[in-house]
Amino acid sequence: MKPIIITEESIKGYGYLLSESKKDPILNNDHFKYISDVYKLIVDGEMTVGILIGRKREMVLKNLERHKETVEILVQLENDSVVFFAKQNDQRESIKDIKAFYFNSGQAVVLNKGTWHWGPFPIAKPECKTLIVFKKGTSQNDCDIRDLEEGIKIE
C-alpha cells in the first residue's frame, strides 16, 4: 500500500486535520499569531497525555486498534512516519477502508471515535515521537485490538 499525504480532504471519514487554514486569527502581531477554536473537544472526565515512541521495524501493518467511546488526538512531535487509519466499522468480520498516510513532524489529527489505527512507522530515522491525547482510562477500558488476516506492506 502506498501512503498518501494527510490533508483536510484525504482524512475525511477517519478524523480531522488540525489546521490553521479554516479560521482567521483572533490575535496577530509581531510576537504571536493565535487561531482559536480549531477543534472543539468534548469529553466527559479527565484527559491524559502520553508520548509514543515508534521504532523502526518491518513496514507491515499486522494489527489495528480503536476506541469506540473517545476521540484520540495525535501530534507528530519528531520525525516523519506512516500511519494507518480505517473507518469505523462495527462488523466484527472485516475492517474496511484502510489507508496509509504520511504523518509529518508538526502535523496533528483528531481521530473520530471508532477509527481504527496503529502506532506510527518511522520513515527515515530509527524512531519517531508522537504525542497522544485521549480520555483517561482509554487504554485499559476502551481499546479493541484486532489482528489482520493479511499484513499490509508499505511501499
C-alpha atoms as a PDB file:
ATOM      1  CA  MET A   1       0.000   0.000   0.000  1.00  0.00           C
ATOM      2  CA  LYS A   2       1.336   3.411  -0.929  1.00  0.00           C
ATOM      3  CA  PRO A   3       0.858   6.163   1.688  1.00  0.00           C
ATOM      4  CA  ILE A   4      -0.925   9.395   0.807  1.00  0.00           C
ATOM      5  CA  ILE A   5      -0.448  12.880   2.224  1.00  0.00           C
ATOM      6  CA  ILE A   6      -2.755  13.863   5.082  1.00  0.00           C
ATOM      7  CA  THR A   7      -4.945  16.752   4.004  1.00  0.00           C
ATOM      8  CA  GLU A   8      -8.283  18.036   5.258  1.00  0.00           C
ATOM      9  CA  GLU A   9      -9.912  16.197   2.334  1.00  0.00           C
ATOM     10  CA  SER A  10      -7.960  12.897   2.448  1.00  0.00           C
ATOM     11  CA  ILE A  11      -8.635  12.304   6.152  1.00  0.00           C
ATOM     12  CA  LYS A  12     -12.412  12.894   5.970  1.00  0.00           C
ATOM     13  CA  GLY A  13     -14.254   9.927   7.475  1.00  0.00           C
ATOM     14  CA  TYR A  14     -11.215   8.966   9.602  1.00  0.00           C
ATOM     15  CA  GLY A  15     -10.730  12.138  11.570  1.00  0.00           C
ATOM     16  CA  TYR A  16      -9.892  15.808  11.378  1.00  0.00           C
ATOM     17  CA  LEU A  17      -6.627  17.516  10.445  1.00  0.00           C
ATOM     18  CA  LEU A  18      -5.877  20.237  12.972  1.00  0.00           C
ATOM     19  CA  SER A  19      -5.012  23.130  10.701  1.00  0.00           C
ATOM     20  CA  GLU A  20      -4.999  26.887  10.821  1.00  0.00           C
ATOM     21  CA  SER A  21      -6.346  27.150   7.287  1.00  0.00           C
ATOM     22  CA  LYS A  22     -10.060  27.319   8.141  1.00  0.00           C
ATOM     23  CA  LYS A  23     -10.059  30.136  10.684  1.00  0.00           C
ATOM     24  CA  ASP A  24      -8.889  33.714  10.922  1.00  0.00           C
ATOM     25  CA  PRO A  25      -6.542  34.532  13.797  1.00  0.00           C
ATOM     26  CA  ILE A  26      -8.008  36.311  16.811  1.00  0.00           C
ATOM     27  CA  LEU A  27      -4.529  37.652  17.598  1.00  0.00           C
ATOM     28  CA  ASN A  28      -1.893  38.525  15.034  1.00  0.00           C
ATOM     29  CA  ASN A  29       1.022  40.789  15.985  1.00  0.00           C
ATOM     30  CA  ASP A  30       4.823  40.881  15.928  1.00  0.00           C
ATOM     31  CA  HIS A  31       5.013  38.330  18.750  1.00  0.00           C
ATOM     32  CA  PHE A  32       2.129  35.891  18.215  1.00  0.00           C
ATOM     33  CA  LYS A  33      -0.453  34.600  15.804  1.00  0.00           C
ATOM     34  CA  TYR A  34      -3.284  32.766  17.551  1.00  0.00           C
ATOM     35  CA  ILE A  35      -6.081  30.894  15.808  1.00  0.00           C
ATOM     36  CA  SER A  36      -8.783  29.982  18.319  1.00  0.00           C
ATOM     37  CA  ASP A  37     -11.246  27.089  18.260  1.00  0.00           C
ATOM     38  CA  VAL A  38      -9.504  24.991  15.605  1.00  0.00           C
ATOM     39  CA  TYR A  39     -11.281  21.980  17.115  1.00  0.00           C
ATOM     40  CA  LYS A  40     -13.787  21.730  19.959  1.00  0.00           C
ATOM     41  CA  LEU A  41     -13.023  18.717  22.133  1.00  0.00           C
ATOM     42  CA  ILE A  42     -15.939  17.416  24.186  1.00  0.00           C
ATOM     43  CA  VAL A  43     -15.175  14.738  26.773  1.00  0.00           C
ATOM     44  CA  ASP A  44     -16.719  13.535  29.978  1.00  0.00           C
ATOM     45  CA  GLY A  45     -13.898  13.274  32.509  1.00  0.00           C
ATOM     46  CA  GLU A  46     -10.150  13.713  32.685  1.00  0.00           C
ATOM     47  CA  MET A  47      -7.848  13.658  29.690  1.00  0.00           C
ATOM     48  CA  THR A  48      -4.441  12.032  29.635  1.00  0.00           C
ATOM     49  CA  VAL A  49      -1.391  12.940  27.582  1.00  0.00           C
ATOM     50  CA  GLY A  50       1.231  10.385  26.625  1.00  0.00           C
ATOM     51  CA  ILE A  51       4.272  10.054  24.389  1.00  0.00           C
ATOM     52  CA  LEU A  52       4.507   7.138  21.954  1.00  0.00           C
ATOM     53  CA  ILE A  53       7.937   6.289  20.542  1.00  0.00           C
ATOM     54  CA  GLY A  54       7.576   4.427  17.247  1.00  0.00           C
ATOM     55  CA  ARG A  55      10.589   2.254  16.433  1.00  0.00           C
ATOM     56  CA  LYS A  56      11.930   1.221  13.021  1.00  0.00           C
ATOM     57  CA  ARG A  57      10.547  -2.210  12.126  1.00  0.00           C
ATOM     58  CA  GLU A  58       9.299  -4.188   9.175  1.00  0.00           C
ATOM     59  CA  MET A  59       6.946  -1.875   7.276  1.00  0.00           C
ATOM     60  CA  VAL A  60       3.977  -4.241   7.513  1.00  0.00           C
ATOM     61  CA  LEU A  61       0.730  -3.475   9.322  1.00  0.00           C
ATOM     62  CA  LYS A  62      -0.418  -6.556  11.232  1.00  0.00           C
ATOM     63  CA  ASN A  63      -2.858  -5.070  13.783  1.00  0.00           C
ATOM     64  CA  LEU A  64      -5.308  -2.225  14.272  1.00  0.00           C
ATOM     65  CA  GLU A  65      -6.961  -0.792  17.367  1.00  0.00           C
ATOM     66  CA  ARG A  66      -9.909   1.504  18.020  1.00  0.00           C
ATOM     67  CA  HIS A  67     -11.550   3.408  20.834  1.00  0.00           C
ATOM     68  CA  LYS A  68     -15.334   3.375  20.480  1.00  0.00           C
ATOM     69  CA  GLU A  69     -16.058   5.868  23.276  1.00  0.00           C
ATOM     70  CA  THR A  70     -13.464   8.601  22.790  1.00  0.00           C
ATOM     71  CA  VAL A  71     -11.619  10.606  20.194  1.00  0.00           C
ATOM     72  CA  GLU A  72      -7.824  10.424  20.090  1.00  0.00           C
ATOM     73  CA  ILE A  73      -5.509  13.297  19.250  1.00  0.00           C
ATOM     74  CA  LEU A  74      -2.152  12.505  17.602  1.00  0.00           C
ATOM     75  CA  VAL A  75       0.586  15.130  17.261  1.00  0.00           C
ATOM     76  CA  GLN A  76       3.731  14.100  15.392  1.00  0.00           C
ATOM     77  CA  LEU A  77       6.457  15.691  17.505  1.00  0.00           C
ATOM     78  CA  GLU A  78       9.644  14.319  15.942  1.00  0.00           C
ATOM     79  CA  ASN A  79      10.490  12.648  12.641  1.00  0.00           C
ATOM     80  CA  ASP A  80       8.114  11.749   9.835  1.00  0.00           C
ATOM     81  CA  SER A  81       6.218   8.483   9.840  1.00  0.00           C
ATOM     82  CA  VAL A  82       3.498   6.464   8.163  1.00  0.00           C
ATOM     83  CA  VAL A  83       0.240   5.776   9.997  1.00  0.00           C
ATOM     84  CA  PHE A  84      -2.730   3.612   9.049  1.00  0.00           C
ATOM     85  CA  PHE A  85      -6.358   4.553   9.599  1.00  0.00           C
ATOM     86  CA  ALA A  86      -9.554   2.622   8.809  1.00  0.00           C
ATOM     87  CA  LYS A  87     -13.097   3.901   9.090  1.00  0.00           C
ATOM     88  CA  GLN A  88     -15.400   2.965  11.964  1.00  0.00           C
ATOM     89  CA  ASN A  89     -16.969  -0.426  11.265  1.00  0.00           C
ATOM     90  CA  ASP A  90     -18.982  -2.426  13.779  1.00  0.00           C
ATOM     91  CA  GLN A  91     -18.938  -5.611  11.730  1.00  0.00           C
ATOM     92  CA  ARG A  92     -16.534  -7.926  13.551  1.00  0.00           C
ATOM     93  CA  GLU A  93     -15.531  -9.866  10.465  1.00  0.00           C
ATOM     94  CA  SER A  94     -13.956  -7.068   8.451  1.00  0.00           C
ATOM     95  CA  ILE A  95     -12.154  -3.759   8.651  1.00  0.00           C
ATOM     96  CA  LYS A  96     -12.714  -1.640   5.549  1.00  0.00           C
ATOM     97  CA  ASP A  97     -11.265   1.494   4.000  1.00  0.00           C
ATOM     98  CA  ILE A  98      -7.736   1.051   5.371  1.00  0.00           C
ATOM     99  CA  LYS A  99      -5.458   3.822   4.144  1.00  0.00           C
ATOM    100  CA  ALA A 100      -1.811   4.634   4.814  1.00  0.00           C
ATOM    101  CA  PHE A 101      -0.928   8.292   5.421  1.00  0.00           C
ATOM    102  CA  TYR A 102       2.336  10.179   5.656  1.00  0.00           C
ATOM    103  CA  PHE A 103       2.319  11.774   9.116  1.00  0.00           C
ATOM    104  CA  ASN A 104       4.864  14.558   9.076  1.00  0.00           C
ATOM    105  CA  SER A 105       6.563  16.171  12.040  1.00  0.00           C
ATOM    106  CA  GLY A 106       4.404  19.025  13.281  1.00  0.00           C
ATOM    107  CA  GLN A 107       1.088  17.630  11.991  1.00  0.00           C
ATOM    108  CA  ALA A 108      -1.818  16.939  14.334  1.00  0.00           C
ATOM    109  CA  VAL A 109      -5.013  14.964  13.780  1.00  0.00           C
ATOM    110  CA  VAL A 110      -8.088  14.118  15.818  1.00  0.00           C
ATOM    111  CA  LEU A 111      -9.322  10.598  15.119  1.00  0.00           C
ATOM    112  CA  ASN A 112     -13.077  10.080  15.143  1.00  0.00           C
ATOM    113  CA  LYS A 113     -14.491   7.741  17.772  1.00  0.00           C
ATOM    114  CA  GLY A 114     -14.092   4.200  16.471  1.00  0.00           C
ATOM    115  CA  THR A 115     -11.464   4.974  13.818  1.00  0.00           C
ATOM    116  CA  TRP A 116      -9.106   2.003  13.509  1.00  0.00           C
ATOM    117  CA  HIS A 117      -5.411   2.914  13.766  1.00  0.00           C
ATOM    118  CA  TRP A 118      -1.987   1.661  14.811  1.00  0.00           C
ATOM    119  CA  GLY A 119       1.241   3.206  16.057  1.00  0.00           C
ATOM    120  CA  PRO A 120       3.405   5.096  13.565  1.00  0.00           C
ATOM    121  CA  PHE A 121       6.103   3.511  11.423  1.00  0.00           C
ATOM    122  CA  PRO A 122       9.172   5.835  11.298  1.00  0.00           C
ATOM    123  CA  ILE A 123      10.325   6.546   7.750  1.00  0.00           C
ATOM    124  CA  ALA A 124      13.907   7.847   7.703  1.00  0.00           C
ATOM    125  CA  LYS A 125      15.008   7.775  11.345  1.00  0.00           C
ATOM    126  CA  PRO A 126      15.233   4.862  13.815  1.00  0.00           C
ATOM    127  CA  GLU A 127      12.427   6.365  15.945  1.00  0.00           C
ATOM    128  CA  CYS A 128       9.607   8.874  15.788  1.00  0.00           C
ATOM    129  CA  LYS A 129       7.829  10.589  18.667  1.00  0.00           C
ATOM    130  CA  THR A 130       4.055  11.123  18.801  1.00  0.00           C
ATOM    131  CA  LEU A 131       2.024  12.948  21.447  1.00  0.00           C
ATOM    132  CA  ILE A 132      -1.177  11.025  22.283  1.00  0.00           C
ATOM    133  CA  VAL A 133      -4.189  12.663  23.989  1.00  0.00           C
ATOM    134  CA  PHE A 134      -7.386  10.862  24.967  1.00  0.00           C
ATOM    135  CA  LYS A 135      -9.759  10.289  27.863  1.00  0.00           C
ATOM    136  CA  LYS A 136      -8.149   8.822  30.976  1.00  0.00           C
ATOM    137  CA  GLY A 137      -8.530   5.032  31.102  1.00  0.00           C
ATOM    138  CA  THR A 138      -8.970   4.622  27.341  1.00  0.00           C
ATOM    139  CA  SER A 139      -6.039   2.199  27.001  1.00  0.00           C
ATOM    140  CA  GLN A 140      -7.449  -0.036  29.742  1.00  0.00           C
ATOM    141  CA  ASN A 141     -11.212   0.289  29.205  1.00  0.00           C
ATOM    142  CA  ASP A 142     -11.877   1.266  25.589  1.00  0.00           C
ATOM    143  CA  CYS A 143      -9.301  -0.461  23.414  1.00  0.00           C
ATOM    144  CA  ASP A 144     -10.386  -3.015  20.816  1.00  0.00           C
ATOM    145  CA  ILE A 145      -7.331  -4.583  19.119  1.00  0.00           C
ATOM    146  CA  ARG A 146      -7.718  -6.691  16.006  1.00  0.00           C
ATOM    147  CA  ASP A 147      -5.164  -8.857  14.196  1.00  0.00           C
ATOM    148  CA  LEU A 148      -5.413  -8.509  10.422  1.00  0.00           C
ATOM    149  CA  GLU A 149      -5.849 -11.657   8.350  1.00  0.00           C
ATOM    150  CA  GLU A 150      -3.093 -10.494   6.000  1.00  0.00           C
ATOM    151  CA  GLY A 151      -0.395  -7.935   6.726  1.00  0.00           C
ATOM    152  CA  ILE A 152      -0.404  -4.763   4.669  1.00  0.00           C
ATOM    153  CA  LYS A 153       3.042  -3.828   3.335  1.00  0.00           C
ATOM    154  CA  ILE A 154       4.004  -0.182   2.995  1.00  0.00           C
ATOM    155  CA  GLU A 155       5.561   0.593  -0.384  1.00  0.00           C
END
